[in-house]
PDB file of all heavy atoms in Angstrom:
ATOM      1  N   LYS A   1       0.824  -1.210   0.000  1.00  0.00           N
ATOM      2  CA  LYS A   1       0.000   0.000   0.000  1.00  0.00           C
ATOM      3  C   LYS A   1       0.856   1.258   0.000  1.00  0.00           C
ATOM      4  O   LYS A   1       0.503   2.261  -0.620  1.00  0.00           O
ATOM      5  CB  LYS A   1      -0.931  -0.010   1.218  1.00  0.00           C
ATOM      6  CG  LYS A   1      -2.079  -1.007   1.082  1.00  0.00           C
ATOM      7  CD  LYS A   1      -3.046  -0.899   2.263  1.00  0.00           C
ATOM      8  CE  LYS A   1      -4.216  -1.864   2.081  1.00  0.00           C
ATOM      9  NZ  LYS A   1      -5.168  -1.774   3.226  1.00  0.00           N
ATOM     10  N   ALA A   2       1.988   1.196   0.735  1.00  0.00           N
ATOM     11  CA  ALA A   2       2.875   2.356   0.787  1.00  0.00           C
ATOM     12  C   ALA A   2       3.422   2.679  -0.619  1.00  0.00           C
ATOM     13  O   ALA A   2       3.464   3.839  -1.042  1.00  0.00           O
ATOM     14  CB  ALA A   2       4.028   2.091   1.758  1.00  0.00           C
ATOM     15  N   ILE A   3       3.867   1.637  -1.318  1.00  0.00           N
ATOM     16  CA  ILE A   3       4.385   1.847  -2.691  1.00  0.00           C
ATOM     17  C   ILE A   3       3.271   2.306  -3.612  1.00  0.00           C
ATOM     18  O   ILE A   3       3.453   3.212  -4.440  1.00  0.00           O
ATOM     19  CB  ILE A   3       5.030   0.549  -3.219  1.00  0.00           C
ATOM     20  CG1 ILE A   3       6.258   0.199  -2.383  1.00  0.00           C
ATOM     21  CG2 ILE A   3       5.404   0.690  -4.693  1.00  0.00           C
ATOM     22  CD1 ILE A   3       6.845  -1.168  -2.709  1.00  0.00           C
ATOM     23  N   ASP A   4       2.104   1.718  -3.428  1.00  0.00           N
ATOM     24  CA  ASP A   4       0.968   2.085  -4.262  1.00  0.00           C
ATOM     25  C   ASP A   4       0.587   3.541  -4.036  1.00  0.00           C
ATOM     26  O   ASP A   4       0.306   4.272  -4.992  1.00  0.00           O
ATOM     27  CB  ASP A   4      -0.213   1.171  -3.954  1.00  0.00           C
ATOM     28  CG  ASP A   4      -1.361   1.394  -4.910  1.00  0.00           C
ATOM     29  OD1 ASP A   4      -1.168   1.171  -6.123  1.00  0.00           O
ATOM     30  OD2 ASP A   4      -2.443   1.795  -4.457  1.00  0.00           O
ATOM     31  N   ALA A   5       0.613   3.971  -2.766  1.00  0.00           N
ATOM     32  CA  ALA A   5       0.296   5.365  -2.448  1.00  0.00           C
ATOM     33  C   ALA A   5       1.361   6.298  -3.003  1.00  0.00           C
ATOM     34  O   ALA A   5       1.066   7.408  -3.458  1.00  0.00           O
ATOM     35  CB  ALA A   5       0.185   5.536  -0.932  1.00  0.00           C
ATOM     36  N   GLN A   6       2.629   5.841  -2.956  1.00  0.00           N
ATOM     37  CA  GLN A   6       3.726   6.667  -3.416  1.00  0.00           C
ATOM     38  C   GLN A   6       3.702   6.897  -4.929  1.00  0.00           C
ATOM     39  O   GLN A   6       3.973   7.991  -5.403  1.00  0.00           O
ATOM     40  CB  GLN A   6       5.062   6.026  -3.018  1.00  0.00           C
ATOM     41  CG  GLN A   6       6.275   6.869  -3.436  1.00  0.00           C
ATOM     42  CD  GLN A   6       7.585   6.192  -3.047  1.00  0.00           C
ATOM     43  OE1 GLN A   6       7.569   5.140  -2.395  1.00  0.00           O
ATOM     44  NE2 GLN A   6       8.689   6.800  -3.431  1.00  0.00           N
ATOM     45  N   PHE A   7       3.374   5.840  -5.680  1.00  0.00           N
ATOM     46  CA  PHE A   7       3.469   5.930  -7.139  1.00  0.00           C
ATOM     47  C   PHE A   7       2.110   5.962  -7.839  1.00  0.00           C
ATOM     48  O   PHE A   7       1.826   6.857  -8.633  1.00  0.00           O
ATOM     49  CB  PHE A   7       4.285   4.745  -7.683  1.00  0.00           C
ATOM     50  CG  PHE A   7       5.706   4.762  -7.208  1.00  0.00           C
ATOM     51  CD1 PHE A   7       6.169   3.767  -6.348  1.00  0.00           C
ATOM     52  CD2 PHE A   7       6.579   5.756  -7.596  1.00  0.00           C
ATOM     53  CE1 PHE A   7       7.470   3.773  -5.897  1.00  0.00           C
ATOM     54  CE2 PHE A   7       7.893   5.767  -7.156  1.00  0.00           C
ATOM     55  CZ  PHE A   7       8.339   4.768  -6.300  1.00  0.00           C
ATOM     56  N   PHE A   8       1.265   5.012  -7.511  1.00  0.00           N
ATOM     57  CA  PHE A   8       0.061   4.829  -8.314  1.00  0.00           C
ATOM     58  C   PHE A   8      -1.045   5.812  -7.981  1.00  0.00           C
ATOM     59  O   PHE A   8      -1.769   6.235  -8.873  1.00  0.00           O
ATOM     60  CB  PHE A   8      -0.447   3.401  -8.186  1.00  0.00           C
ATOM     61  CG  PHE A   8       0.504   2.424  -8.813  1.00  0.00           C
ATOM     62  CD1 PHE A   8       1.466   1.789  -8.047  1.00  0.00           C
ATOM     63  CD2 PHE A   8       0.455   2.177 -10.168  1.00  0.00           C
ATOM     64  CE1 PHE A   8       2.357   0.907  -8.624  1.00  0.00           C
ATOM     65  CE2 PHE A   8       1.338   1.282 -10.751  1.00  0.00           C
ATOM     66  CZ  PHE A   8       2.300   0.650  -9.980  1.00  0.00           C
ATOM     67  N   ASP A   9      -1.173   6.216  -6.700  1.00  0.00           N
ATOM     68  CA  ASP A   9      -2.190   7.212  -6.390  1.00  0.00           C
ATOM     69  C   ASP A   9      -1.867   8.528  -7.073  1.00  0.00           C
ATOM     70  O   ASP A   9      -2.712   9.195  -7.627  1.00  0.00           O
ATOM     71  CB  ASP A   9      -2.293   7.430  -4.873  1.00  0.00           C
ATOM     72  CG  ASP A   9      -2.945   6.227  -4.189  1.00  0.00           C
ATOM     73  OD1 ASP A   9      -3.476   5.373  -4.928  1.00  0.00           O
ATOM     74  OD2 ASP A   9      -2.900   6.152  -2.954  1.00  0.00           O
ATOM     75  N   SER A  10      -0.588   8.905  -6.988  1.00  0.00           N
ATOM     76  CA  SER A  10      -0.182  10.152  -7.634  1.00  0.00           C
ATOM     77  C   SER A  10      -0.367  10.031  -9.154  1.00  0.00           C
ATOM     78  O   SER A  10      -0.718  10.996  -9.815  1.00  0.00           O
ATOM     79  CB  SER A  10       1.278  10.480  -7.312  1.00  0.00           C
ATOM     80  OG  SER A  10       2.131   9.446  -7.793  1.00  0.00           O
ATOM     81  N   ARG A  11      -0.128   8.853  -9.621  1.00  0.00           N
ATOM     82  CA  ARG A  11      -0.303   8.664 -11.061  1.00  0.00           C
ATOM     83  C   ARG A  11      -1.764   8.835 -11.451  1.00  0.00           C
ATOM     84  O   ARG A  11      -2.091   9.467 -12.443  1.00  0.00           O
ATOM     85  CB  ARG A  11       0.148   7.255 -11.459  1.00  0.00           C
ATOM     86  CG  ARG A  11       0.062   7.010 -12.965  1.00  0.00           C
ATOM     87  CD  ARG A  11       0.197   5.555 -13.301  1.00  0.00           C
ATOM     88  NE  ARG A  11      -0.901   4.810 -12.709  1.00  0.00           N
ATOM     89  CZ  ARG A  11      -0.923   3.493 -12.590  1.00  0.00           C
ATOM     90  NH1 ARG A  11       0.103   2.779 -12.985  1.00  0.00           N
ATOM     91  NH2 ARG A  11      -1.972   2.886 -12.048  1.00  0.00           N
ATOM     92  N   THR A  12      -2.644   8.325 -10.602  1.00  0.00           N
ATOM     93  CA  THR A  12      -4.062   8.434 -10.906  1.00  0.00           C
ATOM     94  C   THR A  12      -4.503   9.890 -10.839  1.00  0.00           C
ATOM     95  O   THR A  12      -5.257  10.356 -11.674  1.00  0.00           O
ATOM     96  CB  THR A  12      -4.882   7.597  -9.910  1.00  0.00           C
ATOM     97  OG1 THR A  12      -4.443   6.254  -9.994  1.00  0.00           O
ATOM     98  CG2 THR A  12      -6.363   7.685 -10.231  1.00  0.00           C
ATOM     99  N   ALA A  13      -4.024  10.634  -9.867  1.00  0.00           N
ATOM    100  CA  ALA A  13      -4.439  12.015  -9.670  1.00  0.00           C
ATOM    101  C   ALA A  13      -3.811  12.953 -10.697  1.00  0.00           C
ATOM    102  O   ALA A  13      -4.435  13.910 -11.138  1.00  0.00           O
ATOM    103  CB  ALA A  13      -4.045  12.484  -8.253  1.00  0.00           C
ATOM    104  N   ILE A  14      -2.547  12.688 -11.053  1.00  0.00           N
ATOM    105  CA  ILE A  14      -1.830  13.624 -11.932  1.00  0.00           C
ATOM    106  C   ILE A  14      -1.809  13.135 -13.373  1.00  0.00           C
ATOM    107  O   ILE A  14      -2.268  13.806 -14.276  1.00  0.00           O
ATOM    108  CB  ILE A  14      -0.385  13.833 -11.422  1.00  0.00           C
ATOM    109  CG1 ILE A  14      -0.412  14.406 -10.014  1.00  0.00           C
ATOM    110  CG2 ILE A  14       0.384  14.743 -12.366  1.00  0.00           C
ATOM    111  CD1 ILE A  14       0.958  14.490  -9.371  1.00  0.00           C
ATOM    112  N   ASN A  15      -1.294  11.926 -13.555  1.00  0.00           N
ATOM    113  CA  ASN A  15      -1.073  11.454 -14.920  1.00  0.00           C
ATOM    114  C   ASN A  15      -2.369  11.183 -15.662  1.00  0.00           C
ATOM    115  O   ASN A  15      -2.455  11.416 -16.862  1.00  0.00           O
ATOM    116  CB  ASN A  15      -0.223  10.188 -14.911  1.00  0.00           C
ATOM    117  CG  ASN A  15       1.199  10.478 -14.451  1.00  0.00           C
ATOM    118  OD1 ASN A  15       1.572  11.628 -14.311  1.00  0.00           O
ATOM    119  ND2 ASN A  15       1.977   9.437 -14.223  1.00  0.00           N
ATOM    120  N   GLN A  16      -3.381  10.653 -14.948  1.00  0.00           N
ATOM    121  CA  GLN A  16      -4.643  10.373 -15.626  1.00  0.00           C
ATOM    122  C   GLN A  16      -5.264  11.662 -16.142  1.00  0.00           C
ATOM    123  O   GLN A  16      -5.740  11.725 -17.273  1.00  0.00           O
ATOM    124  CB  GLN A  16      -5.598   9.666 -14.675  1.00  0.00           C
ATOM    125  CG  GLN A  16      -6.875   9.180 -15.344  1.00  0.00           C
ATOM    126  CD  GLN A  16      -6.598   8.068 -16.332  1.00  0.00           C
ATOM    127  OE1 GLN A  16      -5.699   7.272 -16.115  1.00  0.00           O
ATOM    128  NE2 GLN A  16      -7.353   8.040 -17.419  1.00  0.00           N
ATOM    129  N   SER A  17      -5.245  12.701 -15.314  1.00  0.00           N
ATOM    130  CA  SER A  17      -5.791  13.984 -15.762  1.00  0.00           C
ATOM    131  C   SER A  17      -4.947  14.556 -16.892  1.00  0.00           C
ATOM    132  O   SER A  17      -5.455  15.226 -17.786  1.00  0.00           O
ATOM    133  CB  SER A  17      -5.826  14.978 -14.586  1.00  0.00           C
ATOM    134  OG  SER A  17      -4.503  15.208 -14.109  1.00  0.00           O
ATOM    135  N   LEU A  18      -3.639  14.274 -16.813  1.00  0.00           N
ATOM    136  CA  LEU A  18      -2.753  14.749 -17.873  1.00  0.00           C
ATOM    137  C   LEU A  18      -3.152  14.126 -19.213  1.00  0.00           C
ATOM    138  O   LEU A  18      -3.250  14.804 -20.241  1.00  0.00           O
ATOM    139  CB  LEU A  18      -1.304  14.374 -17.551  1.00  0.00           C
ATOM    140  CG  LEU A  18      -0.294  14.689 -18.673  1.00  0.00           C
ATOM    141  CD1 LEU A  18      -0.043  16.176 -18.761  1.00  0.00           C
ATOM    142  CD2 LEU A  18       0.994  13.939 -18.445  1.00  0.00           C
ATOM    143  N   LEU A  19      -3.430  12.835 -19.182  1.00  0.00           N
ATOM    144  CA  LEU A  19      -3.796  12.144 -20.421  1.00  0.00           C
ATOM    145  C   LEU A  19      -5.112  12.684 -20.982  1.00  0.00           C
ATOM    146  O   LEU A  19      -5.310  12.719 -22.186  1.00  0.00           O
ATOM    147  CB  LEU A  19      -3.925  10.649 -20.172  1.00  0.00           C
ATOM    148  CG  LEU A  19      -2.603   9.883 -20.060  1.00  0.00           C
ATOM    149  CD1 LEU A  19      -2.872   8.484 -19.568  1.00  0.00           C
ATOM    150  CD2 LEU A  19      -1.879   9.856 -21.378  1.00  0.00           C
ATOM    151  N   GLU A  20      -6.002  13.115 -20.089  1.00  0.00           N
ATOM    152  CA  GLU A  20      -7.306  13.585 -20.530  1.00  0.00           C
ATOM    153  C   GLU A  20      -7.253  15.036 -20.986  1.00  0.00           C
ATOM    154  O   GLU A  20      -7.989  15.438 -21.866  1.00  0.00           O
ATOM    155  CB  GLU A  20      -8.330  13.467 -19.382  1.00  0.00           C
ATOM    156  CG  GLU A  20      -8.575  12.044 -18.913  1.00  0.00           C
ATOM    157  CD  GLU A  20      -9.217  11.199 -19.990  1.00  0.00           C
ATOM    158  OE1 GLU A  20      -9.780  11.782 -20.926  1.00  0.00           O
ATOM    159  OE2 GLU A  20      -9.140   9.967 -19.898  1.00  0.00           O
ATOM    160  N   ILE A  21      -6.368  15.863 -20.358  1.00  0.00           N
ATOM    161  CA  ILE A  21      -6.403  17.306 -20.598  1.00  0.00           C
ATOM    162  C   ILE A  21      -5.132  17.819 -21.278  1.00  0.00           C
ATOM    163  O   ILE A  21      -5.166  18.470 -22.307  1.00  0.00           O
ATOM    164  CB  ILE A  21      -6.600  18.067 -19.258  1.00  0.00           C
ATOM    165  CG1 ILE A  21      -7.908  17.599 -18.589  1.00  0.00           C
ATOM    166  CG2 ILE A  21      -6.603  19.567 -19.487  1.00  0.00           C
ATOM    167  CD1 ILE A  21      -8.087  18.120 -17.189  1.00  0.00           C
ATOM    168  N   LYS A  22      -3.959  17.471 -20.741  1.00  0.00           N
ATOM    169  CA  LYS A  22      -2.698  18.098 -21.161  1.00  0.00           C
ATOM    170  C   LYS A  22      -2.025  17.340 -22.299  1.00  0.00           C
ATOM    171  O   LYS A  22      -0.884  16.920 -22.180  1.00  0.00           O
ATOM    172  CB  LYS A  22      -1.770  18.202 -19.943  1.00  0.00           C
ATOM    173  CG  LYS A  22      -0.508  19.026 -20.162  1.00  0.00           C
ATOM    174  CD  LYS A  22       0.281  19.128 -18.877  1.00  0.00           C
ATOM    175  CE  LYS A  22       1.626  19.780 -19.123  1.00  0.00           C
ATOM    176  NZ  LYS A  22       2.653  18.816 -19.445  1.00  0.00           N
ATOM    177  N   ASP A  23      -2.733  17.146 -23.388  1.00  0.00           N
ATOM    178  CA  ASP A  23      -2.160  16.453 -24.551  1.00  0.00           C
ATOM    179  C   ASP A  23      -1.720  17.498 -25.580  1.00  0.00           C
ATOM    180  O   ASP A  23      -2.262  17.592 -26.669  1.00  0.00           O
ATOM    181  CB  ASP A  23      -3.194  15.523 -25.178  1.00  0.00           C
ATOM    182  CG  ASP A  23      -3.475  14.326 -24.297  1.00  0.00           C
ATOM    183  OD1 ASP A  23      -2.732  14.150 -23.332  1.00  0.00           O
ATOM    184  OD2 ASP A  23      -4.426  13.599 -24.602  1.00  0.00           O
ATOM    185  N   GLU A  24      -0.745  18.308 -25.196  1.00  0.00           N
ATOM    186  CA  GLU A  24      -0.385  19.439 -26.050  1.00  0.00           C
ATOM    187  C   GLU A  24       0.061  18.987 -27.439  1.00  0.00           C
ATOM    188  O   GLU A  24      -0.402  19.504 -28.454  1.00  0.00           O
ATOM    189  CB  GLU A  24       0.715  20.264 -25.392  1.00  0.00           C
ATOM    190  CG  GLU A  24       0.265  20.911 -24.086  1.00  0.00           C
ATOM    191  CD  GLU A  24       1.375  21.676 -23.416  1.00  0.00           C
ATOM    192  OE1 GLU A  24       2.482  21.706 -24.014  1.00  0.00           O
ATOM    193  OE2 GLU A  24       1.168  22.231 -22.339  1.00  0.00           O
ATOM    194  N   PHE A  25       0.982  18.039 -27.442  1.00  0.00           N
ATOM    195  CA  PHE A  25       1.524  17.618 -28.722  1.00  0.00           C
ATOM    196  C   PHE A  25       0.484  16.838 -29.530  1.00  0.00           C
ATOM    197  O   PHE A  25       0.420  16.951 -30.753  1.00  0.00           O
ATOM    198  CB  PHE A  25       2.781  16.779 -28.513  1.00  0.00           C
ATOM    199  CG  PHE A  25       3.894  17.547 -27.859  1.00  0.00           C
ATOM    200  CD1 PHE A  25       4.265  17.286 -26.554  1.00  0.00           C
ATOM    201  CD2 PHE A  25       4.544  18.559 -28.548  1.00  0.00           C
ATOM    202  CE1 PHE A  25       5.278  18.008 -25.952  1.00  0.00           C
ATOM    203  CE2 PHE A  25       5.568  19.274 -27.950  1.00  0.00           C
ATOM    204  CZ  PHE A  25       5.933  19.006 -26.649  1.00  0.00           C
ATOM    205  N   ARG A  26      -0.317  16.027 -28.825  1.00  0.00           N
ATOM    206  CA  ARG A  26      -1.359  15.285 -29.529  1.00  0.00           C
ATOM    207  C   ARG A  26      -2.377  16.243 -30.135  1.00  0.00           C
ATOM    208  O   ARG A  26      -2.776  16.086 -31.294  1.00  0.00           O
ATOM    209  CB  ARG A  26      -2.056  14.325 -28.566  1.00  0.00           C
ATOM    210  CG  ARG A  26      -3.172  13.529 -29.232  1.00  0.00           C
ATOM    211  CD  ARG A  26      -3.770  12.520 -28.272  1.00  0.00           C
ATOM    212  NE  ARG A  26      -4.338  13.167 -27.099  1.00  0.00           N
ATOM    213  CZ  ARG A  26      -5.542  13.728 -27.061  1.00  0.00           C
ATOM    214  NH1 ARG A  26      -6.295  13.740 -28.148  1.00  0.00           N
ATOM    215  NH2 ARG A  26      -6.002  14.282 -25.963  1.00  0.00           N
ATOM    216  N   VAL A  27      -2.788  17.257 -29.338  1.00  0.00           N
ATOM    217  CA  VAL A  27      -3.752  18.234 -29.840  1.00  0.00           C
ATOM    218  C   VAL A  27      -3.177  18.990 -31.031  1.00  0.00           C
ATOM    219  O   VAL A  27      -3.849  19.196 -32.049  1.00  0.00           O
ATOM    220  CB  VAL A  27      -4.148  19.220 -28.727  1.00  0.00           C
ATOM    221  CG1 VAL A  27      -4.981  20.371 -29.293  1.00  0.00           C
ATOM    222  CG2 VAL A  27      -4.920  18.501 -27.621  1.00  0.00           C
ATOM    223  N   GLU A  28      -1.904  19.384 -30.918  1.00  0.00           N
ATOM    224  CA  GLU A  28      -1.259  20.106 -32.013  1.00  0.00           C
ATOM    225  C   GLU A  28      -1.178  19.235 -33.261  1.00  0.00           C
ATOM    226  O   GLU A  28      -1.444  19.691 -34.382  1.00  0.00           O
ATOM    227  CB  GLU A  28       0.150  20.548 -31.580  1.00  0.00           C
ATOM    228  CG  GLU A  28       0.924  21.304 -32.659  1.00  0.00           C
ATOM    229  CD  GLU A  28       0.271  22.614 -33.037  1.00  0.00           C
ATOM    230  OE1 GLU A  28      -0.465  23.183 -32.206  1.00  0.00           O
ATOM    231  OE2 GLU A  28       0.489  23.074 -34.178  1.00  0.00           O
ATOM    232  N   LYS A  29      -0.826  17.977 -33.034  1.00  0.00           N
ATOM    233  CA  LYS A  29      -0.729  17.053 -34.180  1.00  0.00           C
ATOM    234  C   LYS A  29      -2.086  16.844 -34.827  1.00  0.00           C
ATOM    235  O   LYS A  29      -2.207  16.819 -36.051  1.00  0.00           O
ATOM    236  CB  LYS A  29      -0.149  15.721 -33.734  1.00  0.00           C
ATOM    237  CG  LYS A  29      -0.018  14.714 -34.883  1.00  0.00           C
ATOM    238  CD  LYS A  29       0.741  13.499 -34.484  1.00  0.00           C
ATOM    239  CE  LYS A  29       0.735  12.485 -35.595  1.00  0.00           C
ATOM    240  NZ  LYS A  29       1.312  12.999 -36.860  1.00  0.00           N
ATOM    241  N   GLU A  30      -3.120  16.695 -33.965  1.00  0.00           N
ATOM    242  CA  GLU A  30      -4.456  16.510 -34.518  1.00  0.00           C
ATOM    243  C   GLU A  30      -4.902  17.738 -35.307  1.00  0.00           C
ATOM    244  O   GLU A  30      -5.550  17.620 -36.344  1.00  0.00           O
ATOM    245  CB  GLU A  30      -5.446  16.204 -33.402  1.00  0.00           C
ATOM    246  CG  GLU A  30      -5.263  14.806 -32.809  1.00  0.00           C
ATOM    247  CD  GLU A  30      -6.189  14.556 -31.637  1.00  0.00           C
ATOM    248  OE1 GLU A  30      -6.842  15.520 -31.188  1.00  0.00           O
ATOM    249  OE2 GLU A  30      -6.242  13.405 -31.160  1.00  0.00           O
ATOM    250  N   LYS A  31      -4.528  18.952 -34.786  1.00  0.00           N
ATOM    251  CA  LYS A  31      -4.844  20.170 -35.523  1.00  0.00           C
ATOM    252  C   LYS A  31      -4.163  20.168 -36.880  1.00  0.00           C
ATOM    253  O   LYS A  31      -4.761  20.514 -37.901  1.00  0.00           O
ATOM    254  CB  LYS A  31      -4.405  21.408 -34.727  1.00  0.00           C
ATOM    255  CG  LYS A  31      -5.296  21.740 -33.548  1.00  0.00           C
ATOM    256  CD  LYS A  31      -4.788  22.993 -32.857  1.00  0.00           C
ATOM    257  CE  LYS A  31      -5.672  23.340 -31.650  1.00  0.00           C
ATOM    258  NZ  LYS A  31      -5.168  24.549 -30.935  1.00  0.00           N
ATOM    259  N   GLN A  32      -2.873  19.787 -36.842  1.00  0.00           N
ATOM    260  CA  GLN A  32      -2.126  19.745 -38.098  1.00  0.00           C
ATOM    261  C   GLN A  32      -2.721  18.723 -39.064  1.00  0.00           C
ATOM    262  O   GLN A  32      -2.820  18.961 -40.266  1.00  0.00           O
ATOM    263  CB  GLN A  32      -0.652  19.413 -37.829  1.00  0.00           C
ATOM    264  CG  GLN A  32       0.110  20.558 -37.198  1.00  0.00           C
ATOM    265  CD  GLN A  32       1.604  20.283 -37.165  1.00  0.00           C
ATOM    266  OE1 GLN A  32       2.056  19.223 -37.554  1.00  0.00           O
ATOM    267  NE2 GLN A  32       2.359  21.254 -36.672  1.00  0.00           N
ATOM    268  N   GLU A  33      -3.107  17.561 -38.516  1.00  0.00           N
ATOM    269  CA  GLU A  33      -3.707  16.532 -39.374  1.00  0.00           C
ATOM    270  C   GLU A  33      -5.020  17.007 -39.968  1.00  0.00           C
ATOM    271  O   GLU A  33      -5.314  16.752 -41.138  1.00  0.00           O
ATOM    272  CB  GLU A  33      -3.913  15.244 -38.568  1.00  0.00           C
ATOM    273  CG  GLU A  33      -2.613  14.504 -38.252  1.00  0.00           C
ATOM    274  CD  GLU A  33      -2.849  13.274 -37.417  1.00  0.00           C
ATOM    275  OE1 GLU A  33      -3.971  13.127 -36.901  1.00  0.00           O
ATOM    276  OE2 GLU A  33      -1.907  12.466 -37.277  1.00  0.00           O
ATOM    277  N   ARG A  34      -5.820  17.719 -39.140  1.00  0.00           N
ATOM    278  CA  ARG A  34      -7.078  18.257 -39.659  1.00  0.00           C
ATOM    279  C   ARG A  34      -6.818  19.294 -40.751  1.00  0.00           C
ATOM    280  O   ARG A  34      -7.506  19.334 -41.770  1.00  0.00           O
ATOM    281  CB  ARG A  34      -7.901  18.881 -38.524  1.00  0.00           C
ATOM    282  CG  ARG A  34      -8.586  17.862 -37.627  1.00  0.00           C
ATOM    283  CD  ARG A  34      -9.665  18.510 -36.791  1.00  0.00           C
ATOM    284  NE  ARG A  34      -9.120  19.509 -35.876  1.00  0.00           N
ATOM    285  CZ  ARG A  34      -8.710  19.243 -34.637  1.00  0.00           C
ATOM    286  NH1 ARG A  34      -8.797  18.009 -34.161  1.00  0.00           N
ATOM    287  NH2 ARG A  34      -8.233  20.192 -33.870  1.00  0.00           N
ATOM    288  N   LEU A  35      -5.780  20.138 -40.501  1.00  0.00           N
ATOM    289  CA  LEU A  35      -5.416  21.148 -41.493  1.00  0.00           C
ATOM    290  C   LEU A  35      -4.945  20.493 -42.783  1.00  0.00           C
ATOM    291  O   LEU A  35      -5.328  20.901 -43.887  1.00  0.00           O
ATOM    292  CB  LEU A  35      -4.326  22.059 -40.931  1.00  0.00           C
ATOM    293  CG  LEU A  35      -3.827  23.169 -41.875  1.00  0.00           C
ATOM    294  CD1 LEU A  35      -4.988  24.102 -42.236  1.00  0.00           C
ATOM    295  CD2 LEU A  35      -2.692  23.963 -41.210  1.00  0.00           C
ATOM    296  N   VAL A  36      -4.098  19.452 -42.614  1.00  0.00           N
ATOM    297  CA  VAL A  36      -3.584  18.738 -43.792  1.00  0.00           C
ATOM    298  C   VAL A  36      -4.728  18.074 -44.551  1.00  0.00           C
ATOM    299  O   VAL A  36      -4.788  18.120 -45.780  1.00  0.00           O
ATOM    300  CB  VAL A  36      -2.523  17.691 -43.376  1.00  0.00           C
ATOM    301  CG1 VAL A  36      -2.192  16.762 -44.543  1.00  0.00           C
ATOM    302  CG2 VAL A  36      -1.262  18.383 -42.877  1.00  0.00           C
ATOM    303  N   ARG A  37      -5.654  17.443 -43.780  1.00  0.00           N
ATOM    304  CA  ARG A  37      -6.809  16.807 -44.422  1.00  0.00           C
ATOM    305  C   ARG A  37      -7.657  17.834 -45.168  1.00  0.00           C
ATOM    306  O   ARG A  37      -8.149  17.560 -46.277  1.00  0.00           O
ATOM    307  CB  ARG A  37      -7.658  16.069 -43.384  1.00  0.00           C
ATOM    308  CG  ARG A  37      -7.068  14.743 -42.927  1.00  0.00           C
ATOM    309  CD  ARG A  37      -8.111  13.896 -42.226  1.00  0.00           C
ATOM    310  NE  ARG A  37      -8.579  14.516 -41.005  1.00  0.00           N
ATOM    311  CZ  ARG A  37      -8.048  14.321 -39.798  1.00  0.00           C
ATOM    312  NH1 ARG A  37      -7.013  13.512 -39.666  1.00  0.00           N
ATOM    313  NH2 ARG A  37      -8.550  14.921 -38.736  1.00  0.00           N
ATOM    314  N   LYS A  38      -7.833  19.025 -44.535  1.00  0.00           N
ATOM    315  CA  LYS A  38      -8.606  20.081 -45.177  1.00  0.00           C
ATOM    316  C   LYS A  38      -7.932  20.548 -46.461  1.00  0.00           C
ATOM    317  O   LYS A  38      -8.579  20.728 -47.488  1.00  0.00           O
ATOM    318  CB  LYS A  38      -8.767  21.255 -44.206  1.00  0.00           C
ATOM    319  CG  LYS A  38      -9.628  22.382 -44.773  1.00  0.00           C
ATOM    320  CD  LYS A  38      -9.778  23.508 -43.759  1.00  0.00           C
ATOM    321  CE  LYS A  38     -10.604  24.653 -44.348  1.00  0.00           C
ATOM    322  NZ  LYS A  38     -10.727  25.785 -43.385  1.00  0.00           N
ATOM    323  N   GLN A  39      -6.582  20.739 -46.348  1.00  0.00           N
ATOM    324  CA  GLN A  39      -5.835  21.167 -47.540  1.00  0.00           C
ATOM    325  C   GLN A  39      -5.901  20.107 -48.632  1.00  0.00           C
ATOM    326  O   GLN A  39      -6.051  20.430 -49.819  1.00  0.00           O
ATOM    327  CB  GLN A  39      -4.381  21.458 -47.164  1.00  0.00           C
ATOM    328  CG  GLN A  39      -4.215  22.696 -46.295  1.00  0.00           C
ATOM    329  CD  GLN A  39      -2.781  22.884 -45.826  1.00  0.00           C
ATOM    330  OE1 GLN A  39      -1.960  21.960 -45.908  1.00  0.00           O
ATOM    331  NE2 GLN A  39      -2.474  24.066 -45.322  1.00  0.00           N
TER     332      GLN A  39
END
């Protein structure tokens, strides 16, 4: 539980939200792909 609290809880609180919200490069790439598809 100590290891789980140290790594996995923080991962759930920080990294999971990161995957849902902070996808800067993915969002940029998707924008570029949409632009390329439009062009």
